[in-house]
N, C-alpha and C. Protein backbone atom coordinates (compact mmCIF):
# COMPACT_ATOMS: atom_id res chain seq x y z
N MET A 1 16.38 12.64 19.93
CA MET A 1 14.90 11.60 20.67
C MET A 1 15.68 10.67 20.39
N ARG A 2 14.91 9.19 21.55
CA ARG A 2 15.77 7.81 21.21
C ARG A 2 14.55 7.69 20.55
N SER A 3 14.79 6.16 19.94
CA SER A 3 14.28 6.10 18.86
C SER A 3 13.12 5.09 19.21
N ASP A 4 13.64 4.34 20.52
CA ASP A 4 12.63 3.46 21.35
C ASP A 4 11.23 4.86 21.93
N MET A 5 11.81 5.94 21.94
CA MET A 5 10.48 7.18 22.55
C MET A 5 9.27 7.50 21.07
N GLU A 6 10.65 7.39 20.13
CA GLU A 6 9.46 8.07 18.38
C GLU A 6 8.74 7.16 18.73
N GLU A 7 7.29 7.42 18.11
CA GLU A 7 6.00 7.84 17.39
C GLU A 7 5.74 6.89 16.71
N PRO A 8 5.00 5.66 16.71
CA PRO A 8 4.68 4.74 15.09
C PRO A 8 3.96 6.03 14.40
N GLN A 9 4.75 5.64 13.22
CA GLN A 9 4.23 5.99 12.21
C GLN A 9 2.55 6.15 10.96
N PRO A 10 1.75 7.09 10.97
CA PRO A 10 0.25 6.63 11.07
C PRO A 10 0.67 5.29 10.09
N PRO A 11 -0.85 4.53 9.73
CA PRO A 11 -0.72 3.67 8.56
C PRO A 11 -0.73 3.72 7.38
N GLU A 12 -1.49 5.83 6.53
CA GLU A 12 -1.35 5.87 6.05
C GLU A 12 -0.04 6.34 5.18
N ALA A 13 1.65 6.43 6.24
CA ALA A 13 2.47 6.88 5.87
C ALA A 13 3.24 5.61 5.70
N SER A 14 2.55 4.00 6.08
CA SER A 14 3.77 2.68 5.34
C SER A 14 2.96 2.28 4.17
N ALA A 15 0.75 2.75 4.22
CA ALA A 15 0.97 2.60 3.07
C ALA A 15 1.30 2.58 1.58
N ARG A 16 1.55 4.77 2.27
CA ARG A 16 2.31 5.61 0.63
C ARG A 16 3.52 5.13 0.78
N GLU A 17 4.56 4.11 1.41
CA GLU A 17 5.94 3.32 1.58
C GLU A 17 5.33 2.45 0.29
N ILE A 18 4.76 1.95 0.89
CA ILE A 18 4.70 0.56 0.16
C ILE A 18 4.18 0.80 -1.59
N ALA A 19 3.70 1.23 -1.48
CA ALA A 19 3.02 1.84 -3.10
C ALA A 19 4.07 2.44 -3.91
N ARG A 20 5.10 3.66 -3.52
CA ARG A 20 5.82 3.85 -3.24
C ARG A 20 6.77 2.67 -4.40
N ARG A 21 7.26 2.11 -3.67
CA ARG A 21 8.57 0.86 -3.51
C ARG A 21 7.69 0.19 -4.70
N PHE A 22 6.84 0.10 -4.44
CA PHE A 22 5.70 -0.61 -5.59
C PHE A 22 6.01 -0.01 -6.95
N ARG A 23 5.73 1.03 -7.38
CA ARG A 23 6.05 1.73 -8.35
C ARG A 23 7.39 1.70 -8.98
N GLU A 24 7.99 2.69 -7.26
CA GLU A 24 9.65 3.23 -7.55
C GLU A 24 10.92 1.88 -8.25
N ASP A 25 10.80 1.20 -6.48
CA ASP A 25 11.99 0.91 -6.73
C ASP A 25 11.24 -1.30 -7.09
N LEU A 26 10.10 -1.43 -7.22
CA LEU A 26 10.31 -2.68 -8.27
C LEU A 26 10.54 -2.64 -9.70
N TRP A 27 9.77 -1.67 -9.77
CA TRP A 27 10.02 -1.45 -11.95
C TRP A 27 11.50 -0.57 -12.55
N ASN A 28 11.34 -0.17 -11.60
CA ASN A 28 13.12 0.71 -11.97
C ASN A 28 14.80 -0.42 -11.84
N THR A 29 14.38 -0.74 -10.87
CA THR A 29 15.34 -2.25 -10.75
C THR A 29 15.37 -3.29 -10.93
N GLY A 30 13.85 -3.61 -11.35
CA GLY A 30 13.60 -4.70 -11.97
C GLY A 30 14.28 -6.28 -10.93
N ASP A 31 14.00 -5.75 -9.78
CA ASP A 31 14.37 -6.31 -8.81
C ASP A 31 13.23 -7.31 -8.52
N LEU A 32 13.19 -8.90 -8.79
CA LEU A 32 12.18 -9.40 -8.35
C LEU A 32 11.43 -9.52 -7.14
N ALA A 33 12.22 -9.91 -6.27
CA ALA A 33 12.23 -10.53 -4.90
C ALA A 33 12.17 -9.05 -4.72
N VAL A 34 11.42 -7.89 -4.38
CA VAL A 34 10.05 -6.67 -4.01
C VAL A 34 8.98 -7.20 -4.47
N ALA A 35 9.07 -7.68 -4.84
CA ALA A 35 7.49 -8.61 -5.30
C ALA A 35 6.96 -8.90 -4.19
N ASP A 36 7.50 -10.28 -3.37
CA ASP A 36 7.79 -10.80 -2.38
C ASP A 36 7.32 -9.72 -1.34
N GLU A 37 8.38 -9.28 -0.67
CA GLU A 37 8.15 -8.21 0.22
C GLU A 37 6.66 -7.22 0.26
N LEU A 38 6.18 -6.59 -0.93
CA LEU A 38 4.77 -5.37 -0.87
C LEU A 38 3.79 -6.32 -1.47
N VAL A 39 3.60 -7.39 -1.97
CA VAL A 39 2.82 -8.60 -2.91
C VAL A 39 2.17 -9.64 -2.42
N THR A 40 0.82 -9.61 -1.42
CA THR A 40 0.62 -10.80 -0.57
C THR A 40 0.38 -12.45 -1.70
N ARG A 41 0.68 -13.28 -0.98
CA ARG A 41 0.33 -14.39 -2.41
C ARG A 41 -1.00 -15.01 -2.85
N ASP A 42 -2.16 -13.79 -2.43
CA ASP A 42 -3.13 -14.02 -3.48
C ASP A 42 -3.66 -12.69 -3.58
N CYS A 43 -2.72 -12.06 -3.80
CA CYS A 43 -3.73 -10.76 -4.57
C CYS A 43 -3.49 -10.44 -5.93
N LEU A 44 -4.46 -10.26 -6.41
CA LEU A 44 -4.69 -9.39 -8.28
C LEU A 44 -4.00 -8.17 -8.11
N ILE A 45 -4.07 -7.73 -9.44
CA ILE A 45 -3.86 -6.53 -9.94
C ILE A 45 -4.26 -6.27 -11.24
N ASP A 46 -5.54 -5.75 -11.42
CA ASP A 46 -6.23 -5.72 -12.92
C ASP A 46 -5.28 -4.73 -13.43
N ALA A 47 -5.23 -5.03 -14.66
CA ALA A 47 -4.27 -3.86 -15.47
C ALA A 47 -3.91 -4.03 -16.55
N HIS A 48 -4.98 -4.48 -17.12
CA HIS A 48 -5.66 -4.65 -18.91
C HIS A 48 -3.73 -4.41 -19.32
N VAL A 49 -3.59 -5.20 -19.25
CA VAL A 49 -2.18 -5.64 -20.35
C VAL A 49 -2.62 -5.88 -21.62
N PRO A 50 -2.50 -4.94 -22.93
CA PRO A 50 -2.40 -4.89 -24.04
C PRO A 50 -2.33 -6.33 -25.22
N PHE A 51 -1.39 -7.27 -24.14
CA PHE A 51 -1.09 -8.03 -25.29
C PHE A 51 -1.37 -9.38 -24.49
N PRO A 52 -1.40 -11.13 -25.52
CA PRO A 52 -1.51 -12.00 -25.18
C PRO A 52 -0.60 -12.94 -24.30
N ILE A 53 -1.24 -12.16 -22.85
CA ILE A 53 0.08 -12.97 -22.03
C ILE A 53 -0.92 -13.43 -20.62
N ASP A 54 -0.79 -14.37 -19.82
CA ASP A 54 -1.69 -14.04 -18.98
C ASP A 54 -0.99 -14.27 -17.82
N PHE A 55 -0.94 -13.35 -16.61
CA PHE A 55 -0.83 -13.53 -16.02
C PHE A 55 -1.64 -14.37 -14.28
N ALA A 56 -1.36 -14.59 -13.52
CA ALA A 56 -1.48 -15.45 -13.08
C ALA A 56 -1.67 -14.25 -10.98
N ARG A 57 -2.64 -15.10 -9.57
CA ARG A 57 -2.09 -14.44 -8.83
C ARG A 57 -1.01 -13.71 -7.93
N GLY A 58 -0.96 -12.63 -6.92
CA GLY A 58 -0.02 -13.12 -6.66
C GLY A 58 1.71 -12.39 -6.96
N PRO A 59 3.35 -12.94 -5.58
CA PRO A 59 4.21 -12.38 -6.82
C PRO A 59 4.24 -12.73 -7.65
N ASP A 60 3.63 -13.92 -8.34
CA ASP A 60 4.21 -14.48 -9.16
C ASP A 60 3.71 -13.30 -10.25
N ALA A 61 2.65 -13.38 -10.19
CA ALA A 61 2.26 -12.52 -11.29
C ALA A 61 2.67 -10.98 -11.92
N VAL A 62 3.79 -10.34 -10.46
CA VAL A 62 4.01 -9.31 -10.53
C VAL A 62 5.58 -9.62 -11.32
N ARG A 63 6.21 -10.30 -10.71
CA ARG A 63 7.70 -10.96 -11.30
C ARG A 63 7.51 -10.80 -12.35
N HIS A 64 6.74 -11.93 -13.14
CA HIS A 64 5.94 -11.91 -14.76
C HIS A 64 5.54 -11.19 -15.36
N LEU A 65 5.06 -10.12 -14.63
CA LEU A 65 5.11 -8.95 -15.76
C LEU A 65 6.05 -7.46 -15.44
N VAL A 66 6.66 -7.38 -14.18
CA VAL A 66 8.19 -6.69 -14.70
C VAL A 66 9.06 -6.56 -15.21
N PHE A 67 9.32 -8.56 -15.32
CA PHE A 67 10.25 -9.81 -16.25
C PHE A 67 9.89 -9.23 -17.30
N PHE A 68 8.67 -9.00 -18.17
CA PHE A 68 8.40 -8.53 -19.37
C PHE A 68 8.55 -7.53 -19.40
N TYR A 69 8.20 -6.74 -19.38
CA TYR A 69 8.37 -5.12 -19.74
C TYR A 69 10.51 -4.63 -19.08
N HIS A 70 11.11 -5.58 -18.70
CA HIS A 70 12.30 -5.16 -19.19
C HIS A 70 12.56 -6.19 -19.51
N LEU A 71 12.06 -6.91 -20.32
CA LEU A 71 12.91 -7.24 -21.46
C LEU A 71 12.29 -6.68 -22.68
N ALA A 72 11.28 -6.22 -22.61
CA ALA A 72 10.47 -5.29 -23.88
C ALA A 72 11.24 -3.45 -23.79
N PHE A 73 11.66 -3.35 -22.81
CA PHE A 73 12.40 -2.12 -22.08
C PHE A 73 13.43 -1.93 -21.70
N THR A 74 14.69 -0.98 -22.26
CA THR A 74 15.53 -0.37 -21.37
C THR A 74 15.79 0.54 -20.77
N GLU A 75 16.79 1.63 -19.91
CA GLU A 75 16.92 2.61 -19.84
C GLU A 75 14.50 2.28 -18.55
N ILE A 76 13.95 2.13 -18.36
CA ILE A 76 13.39 1.84 -17.32
C ILE A 76 13.32 3.14 -15.62
N ARG A 77 12.73 3.65 -15.81
CA ARG A 77 12.90 5.35 -14.69
C ARG A 77 11.25 5.39 -15.05
N VAL A 78 10.47 5.23 -13.49
CA VAL A 78 8.99 5.23 -12.94
C VAL A 78 9.46 6.11 -12.10
N THR A 79 8.21 6.49 -12.38
CA THR A 79 7.98 8.29 -10.57
C THR A 79 6.98 8.06 -10.02
N ALA A 80 7.16 7.88 -9.27
CA ALA A 80 5.93 8.48 -8.53
C ALA A 80 5.64 9.76 -7.89
N ASP A 81 4.44 10.23 -9.13
CA ASP A 81 4.55 11.65 -9.15
C ASP A 81 3.80 12.31 -8.13
N GLN A 82 2.19 11.45 -7.68
CA GLN A 82 1.59 11.58 -6.55
C GLN A 82 1.34 10.76 -5.77
N ILE A 83 0.88 10.78 -4.29
CA ILE A 83 0.37 9.36 -3.48
C ILE A 83 -0.07 10.89 -3.26
N VAL A 84 -1.15 9.90 -2.79
CA VAL A 84 -2.25 9.96 -1.90
C VAL A 84 -2.93 8.88 -1.22
N ALA A 85 -3.63 8.65 0.34
CA ALA A 85 -3.91 7.48 1.23
C ALA A 85 -4.42 8.19 1.71
N GLU A 86 -5.61 6.70 2.17
CA GLU A 86 -6.79 7.48 2.69
C GLU A 86 -7.95 5.87 3.44
N GLY A 87 -6.92 5.46 4.88
CA GLY A 87 -7.32 3.54 5.56
C GLY A 87 -6.99 3.43 4.64
N ASP A 88 -6.97 2.50 4.37
CA ASP A 88 -5.77 1.02 3.71
C ASP A 88 -6.08 0.82 2.15
N THR A 89 -6.70 2.13 1.47
CA THR A 89 -5.85 2.73 -0.09
C THR A 89 -5.41 4.18 -0.34
N VAL A 90 -4.48 3.43 -1.41
CA VAL A 90 -3.67 4.05 -1.60
C VAL A 90 -3.51 4.42 -3.37
N ALA A 91 -3.61 5.82 -3.62
CA ALA A 91 -3.93 5.91 -5.18
C ALA A 91 -2.43 6.20 -5.21
N VAL A 92 -1.76 6.57 -6.11
CA VAL A 92 -0.37 6.61 -7.18
C VAL A 92 -0.74 7.05 -8.95
N ARG A 93 -0.14 7.96 -8.28
CA ARG A 93 -0.62 9.04 -9.14
C ARG A 93 1.29 9.11 -10.94
N TRP A 94 1.44 8.02 -11.18
CA TRP A 94 2.76 7.78 -12.15
C TRP A 94 3.13 8.01 -13.12
N THR A 95 4.37 8.51 -13.88
CA THR A 95 4.88 8.36 -14.88
C THR A 95 6.20 7.29 -15.47
N ALA A 96 6.33 6.52 -16.51
CA ALA A 96 6.78 5.62 -17.20
C ALA A 96 7.62 5.58 -17.91
N ARG A 97 8.70 6.06 -17.94
CA ARG A 97 9.62 6.43 -19.48
C ARG A 97 10.80 4.67 -19.77
N GLY A 98 11.15 4.40 -21.22
CA GLY A 98 12.09 3.77 -21.30
C GLY A 98 11.98 3.56 -22.45
N ARG A 99 13.09 2.91 -23.35
CA ARG A 99 13.48 2.73 -24.23
C ARG A 99 12.94 1.76 -25.06
N HIS A 100 11.81 1.87 -26.37
CA HIS A 100 11.42 0.21 -26.53
C HIS A 100 12.78 -0.18 -27.35
N THR A 101 13.44 -1.30 -26.70
CA THR A 101 14.47 -1.80 -27.10
C THR A 101 13.83 -3.56 -27.08
N GLY A 102 13.32 -3.71 -27.27
CA GLY A 102 12.82 -5.23 -27.01
C GLY A 102 11.52 -5.91 -27.81
N HIS A 103 11.22 -7.11 -28.39
CA HIS A 103 9.78 -7.82 -28.40
C HIS A 103 8.30 -7.46 -27.88
N VAL A 104 8.05 -6.83 -28.35
CA VAL A 104 6.61 -6.94 -27.91
C VAL A 104 5.87 -7.79 -28.82
N PRO A 105 4.69 -8.43 -28.91
CA PRO A 105 4.17 -9.21 -29.45
C PRO A 105 3.24 -8.31 -30.41
N GLY A 106 4.21 -8.67 -31.76
CA GLY A 106 3.61 -7.48 -32.60
C GLY A 106 3.67 -6.63 -33.34
N LEU A 107 4.69 -6.04 -32.33
CA LEU A 107 5.58 -4.57 -32.77
C LEU A 107 6.75 -4.99 -31.92
N PRO A 108 7.77 -4.47 -33.35
CA PRO A 108 9.54 -4.84 -32.79
C PRO A 108 10.27 -3.70 -32.68
N PRO A 109 11.15 -4.35 -31.76
CA PRO A 109 11.58 -2.95 -31.45
C PRO A 109 12.63 -1.34 -31.79
N THR A 110 11.70 -0.14 -31.36
CA THR A 110 11.88 0.98 -32.38
C THR A 110 12.87 1.07 -32.61
N GLY A 111 13.46 1.36 -30.99
CA GLY A 111 14.35 2.01 -30.06
C GLY A 111 13.55 3.39 -29.46
N ARG A 112 12.95 3.77 -29.75
CA ARG A 112 12.37 4.94 -29.12
C ARG A 112 12.26 5.34 -27.72
N GLU A 113 12.49 5.90 -27.34
CA GLU A 113 12.24 6.78 -26.00
C GLU A 113 10.34 6.55 -25.84
N ILE A 114 9.64 5.30 -24.60
CA ILE A 114 8.76 5.70 -24.35
C ILE A 114 8.15 6.47 -23.13
N VAL A 115 7.06 6.75 -23.14
CA VAL A 115 6.55 7.90 -21.78
C VAL A 115 5.44 7.19 -21.98
N THR A 116 4.29 6.92 -21.04
CA THR A 116 2.87 5.96 -20.39
C THR A 116 3.02 6.88 -19.18
N THR A 117 1.64 7.39 -18.36
CA THR A 117 1.29 7.55 -17.45
C THR A 117 0.28 7.14 -16.80
N GLY A 118 -0.22 7.22 -15.53
CA GLY A 118 -0.80 6.29 -15.07
C GLY A 118 -1.12 6.43 -13.77
N ILE A 119 -2.60 5.78 -13.27
CA ILE A 119 -2.70 5.42 -12.09
C ILE A 119 -3.83 4.94 -11.23
N ASP A 120 -2.65 4.17 -9.94
CA ASP A 120 -2.89 2.95 -9.30
C ASP A 120 -3.62 2.78 -8.21
N MET A 121 -4.57 1.80 -8.54
CA MET A 121 -5.13 1.99 -6.49
C MET A 121 -5.42 0.13 -5.69
N LEU A 122 -4.33 0.91 -4.41
CA LEU A 122 -4.11 -0.18 -4.17
C LEU A 122 -4.78 -0.47 -2.69
N ARG A 123 -5.12 -1.07 -2.29
CA ARG A 123 -4.97 -1.87 -1.31
C ARG A 123 -4.20 -2.72 -0.26
N ILE A 124 -4.02 -2.02 0.96
CA ILE A 124 -3.05 -2.31 1.97
C ILE A 124 -3.63 -3.35 2.43
N VAL A 125 -3.66 -4.79 3.61
CA VAL A 125 -3.46 -5.08 4.13
C VAL A 125 -2.21 -5.75 4.98
N ASP A 126 -1.84 -5.30 6.31
CA ASP A 126 -0.61 -6.17 6.97
C ASP A 126 0.84 -6.02 6.24
N GLY A 127 0.23 -4.31 5.53
CA GLY A 127 1.72 -4.14 5.61
C GLY A 127 2.50 -4.57 3.93
N LYS A 128 1.05 -4.81 3.19
CA LYS A 128 1.32 -5.78 1.64
C LYS A 128 0.37 -5.47 0.99
N ILE A 129 0.01 -5.26 -0.59
CA ILE A 129 -1.02 -4.94 -1.38
C ILE A 129 -1.40 -5.98 -1.78
N ALA A 130 -2.72 -5.93 -1.26
CA ALA A 130 -3.36 -7.47 -1.25
C ALA A 130 -4.34 -7.04 -2.67
N GLU A 131 -4.46 -6.14 -3.10
CA GLU A 131 -5.63 -6.42 -3.95
C GLU A 131 -5.10 -4.90 -5.05
N GLY A 132 -5.01 -4.48 -5.89
CA GLY A 132 -5.23 -3.48 -7.01
C GLY A 132 -5.31 -3.50 -7.89
N TRP A 133 -5.31 -1.81 -8.61
CA TRP A 133 -6.05 -1.08 -9.89
C TRP A 133 -5.62 -0.84 -10.17
N VAL A 134 -4.81 -1.09 -11.58
CA VAL A 134 -4.55 0.49 -12.89
C VAL A 134 -4.28 0.43 -13.88
N SER A 135 -4.84 1.92 -13.99
CA SER A 135 -5.74 2.41 -15.48
C SER A 135 -4.46 3.05 -16.15
N TRP A 136 -4.11 2.77 -17.17
CA TRP A 136 -2.96 3.97 -18.19
C TRP A 136 -3.33 3.45 -18.91
N ASP A 137 -2.29 4.53 -19.69
CA ASP A 137 -2.19 5.05 -21.16
C ASP A 137 -1.99 4.17 -22.33
N VAL A 138 -2.69 3.04 -22.30
CA VAL A 138 -2.19 1.87 -22.69
C VAL A 138 -1.86 2.03 -24.29
N LEU A 139 -3.46 3.14 -25.16
CA LEU A 139 -3.52 3.51 -26.53
C LEU A 139 -1.89 4.48 -26.51
N GLY A 140 -1.52 5.85 -26.04
CA GLY A 140 -0.59 6.00 -25.67
C GLY A 140 0.80 5.08 -25.76
N LEU A 141 1.25 4.51 -25.11
CA LEU A 141 1.90 3.71 -24.86
C LEU A 141 1.92 3.12 -27.13
N VAL A 142 1.23 2.11 -27.29
CA VAL A 142 1.21 1.15 -27.84
C VAL A 142 0.91 2.71 -29.07
N GLU A 143 1.04 3.99 -29.09
CA GLU A 143 0.83 4.40 -30.98
C GLU A 143 2.31 5.02 -30.63
N GLN A 144 2.60 4.99 -29.55
CA GLN A 144 4.49 5.49 -29.23
C GLN A 144 5.42 4.06 -30.37
N MET A 145 5.08 2.82 -29.94
CA MET A 145 5.75 1.63 -30.17
C MET A 145 5.71 1.21 -31.06
N SER A 146 4.37 1.38 -32.03
CA SER A 146 4.42 1.76 -33.69
C SER A 146 4.58 2.76 -34.50
N GLY A 147 5.66 3.97 -33.90
CA GLY A 147 5.93 4.95 -34.98
C GLY A 147 4.37 5.52 -35.50
N LEU A 148 3.24 4.91 -35.82
CA LEU A 148 2.45 5.88 -35.96
C LEU A 148 1.01 7.04 -35.27
N ASP A 149 2.71 8.01 -35.21
CA ASP A 149 1.80 9.09 -34.20
C ASP A 149 0.09 9.79 -35.28
N LEU A 150 -0.71 9.72 -34.34
CA LEU A 150 -1.97 9.54 -34.81
C LEU A 150 -1.87 11.45 -34.38
N GLU A 151 -3.03 11.68 -35.64
CA GLU A 151 -3.33 13.57 -35.27
C GLU A 151 -4.55 13.71 -33.78
N ALA A 152 -4.62 14.92 -33.87
CA ALA A 152 -4.92 15.23 -32.83
C ALA A 152 -7.01 14.90 -33.75
N GLY A 153 -7.71 13.84 -32.39
CA GLY A 153 -8.95 14.14 -33.02
C GLY A 153 -9.36 12.66 -33.51
N GLU A 154 -8.57 11.39 -33.91
CA GLU A 154 -8.28 10.39 -33.87
C GLU A 154 -7.84 9.08 -33.15
N GLY A 155 -7.95 8.79 -32.81
CA GLY A 155 -8.21 7.10 -32.47
C GLY A 155 -7.71 6.99 -31.82
N PHE A 156 -8.51 5.48 -31.56
CA PHE A 156 -8.35 4.03 -31.10
C PHE A 156 -8.50 3.43 -32.95
N LEU A 157 -9.87 3.41 -32.81
CA LEU A 157 -9.63 2.98 -34.52
C LEU A 157 -9.34 3.12 -35.39
N THR A 158 -8.48 4.09 -35.69
CA THR A 158 -7.51 4.50 -36.75
C THR A 158 -6.03 4.19 -36.72
N LEU A 159 -5.98 3.79 -35.26
CA LEU A 159 -4.44 3.14 -35.29
C LEU A 159 -5.11 1.62 -34.99
N LEU A 160 -5.47 1.40 -34.90
CA LEU A 160 -6.18 -0.49 -35.50
C LEU A 160 -6.37 -0.43 -36.91
N ASP A 161 -6.84 0.99 -37.75
CA ASP A 161 -6.94 0.45 -38.87
C ASP A 161 -5.14 0.60 -40.01
N ARG A 162 -4.48 1.14 -39.17
CA ARG A 162 -2.60 1.47 -39.87
C ARG A 162 -1.70 0.62 -39.17
N LEU A 163 -2.53 -0.40 -37.91
CA LEU A 163 -1.91 -1.43 -37.35
C LEU A 163 -1.77 -2.46 -38.64
N ARG A 164 -3.41 -2.41 -39.28
CA ARG A 164 -3.54 -3.24 -40.63
C ARG A 164 -2.70 -3.52 -41.56
N GLU A 165 -2.50 -2.03 -41.46
CA GLU A 165 -2.67 -1.77 -42.74
C GLU A 165 -0.93 -2.41 -43.41
N ARG A 166 -0.50 -2.76 -42.16
CA ARG A 166 1.36 -3.00 -42.45
C ARG A 166 1.47 -4.16 -42.93
């Protein structure tokens, strides 16, 4: 069949591809130009990064965040495990792996492989991410980078106490 006869993709299909590219192409390659392709100028992504770093709005904020993680981790591999789209909203369940080889404020490199998981909720407008919310396992990430493995039933306060004892 000729390409000019193909039916257009439903909006959810292109939204899913934008979300996949955000999680996989941008984070895996560290190609910061991808942020300009995927993120609106005034986009705000609420990610609750657990480090004393201030990120601005738009592609610059996303570029800074990706650059920061590429300084802290090597061998980064992010997979979009599940993508669900409805209207202008896309949910992405993802897994990220990397080797902690760079300095993170308060946590020197351990060389350990780190695995974390999360979920993005992204609002897509005119083919770009206009707004986003990221919920991810920050406690698990800090625990792995600290080298202080928690026992079953222990939580954030125990981890903080152990970090203070160092």
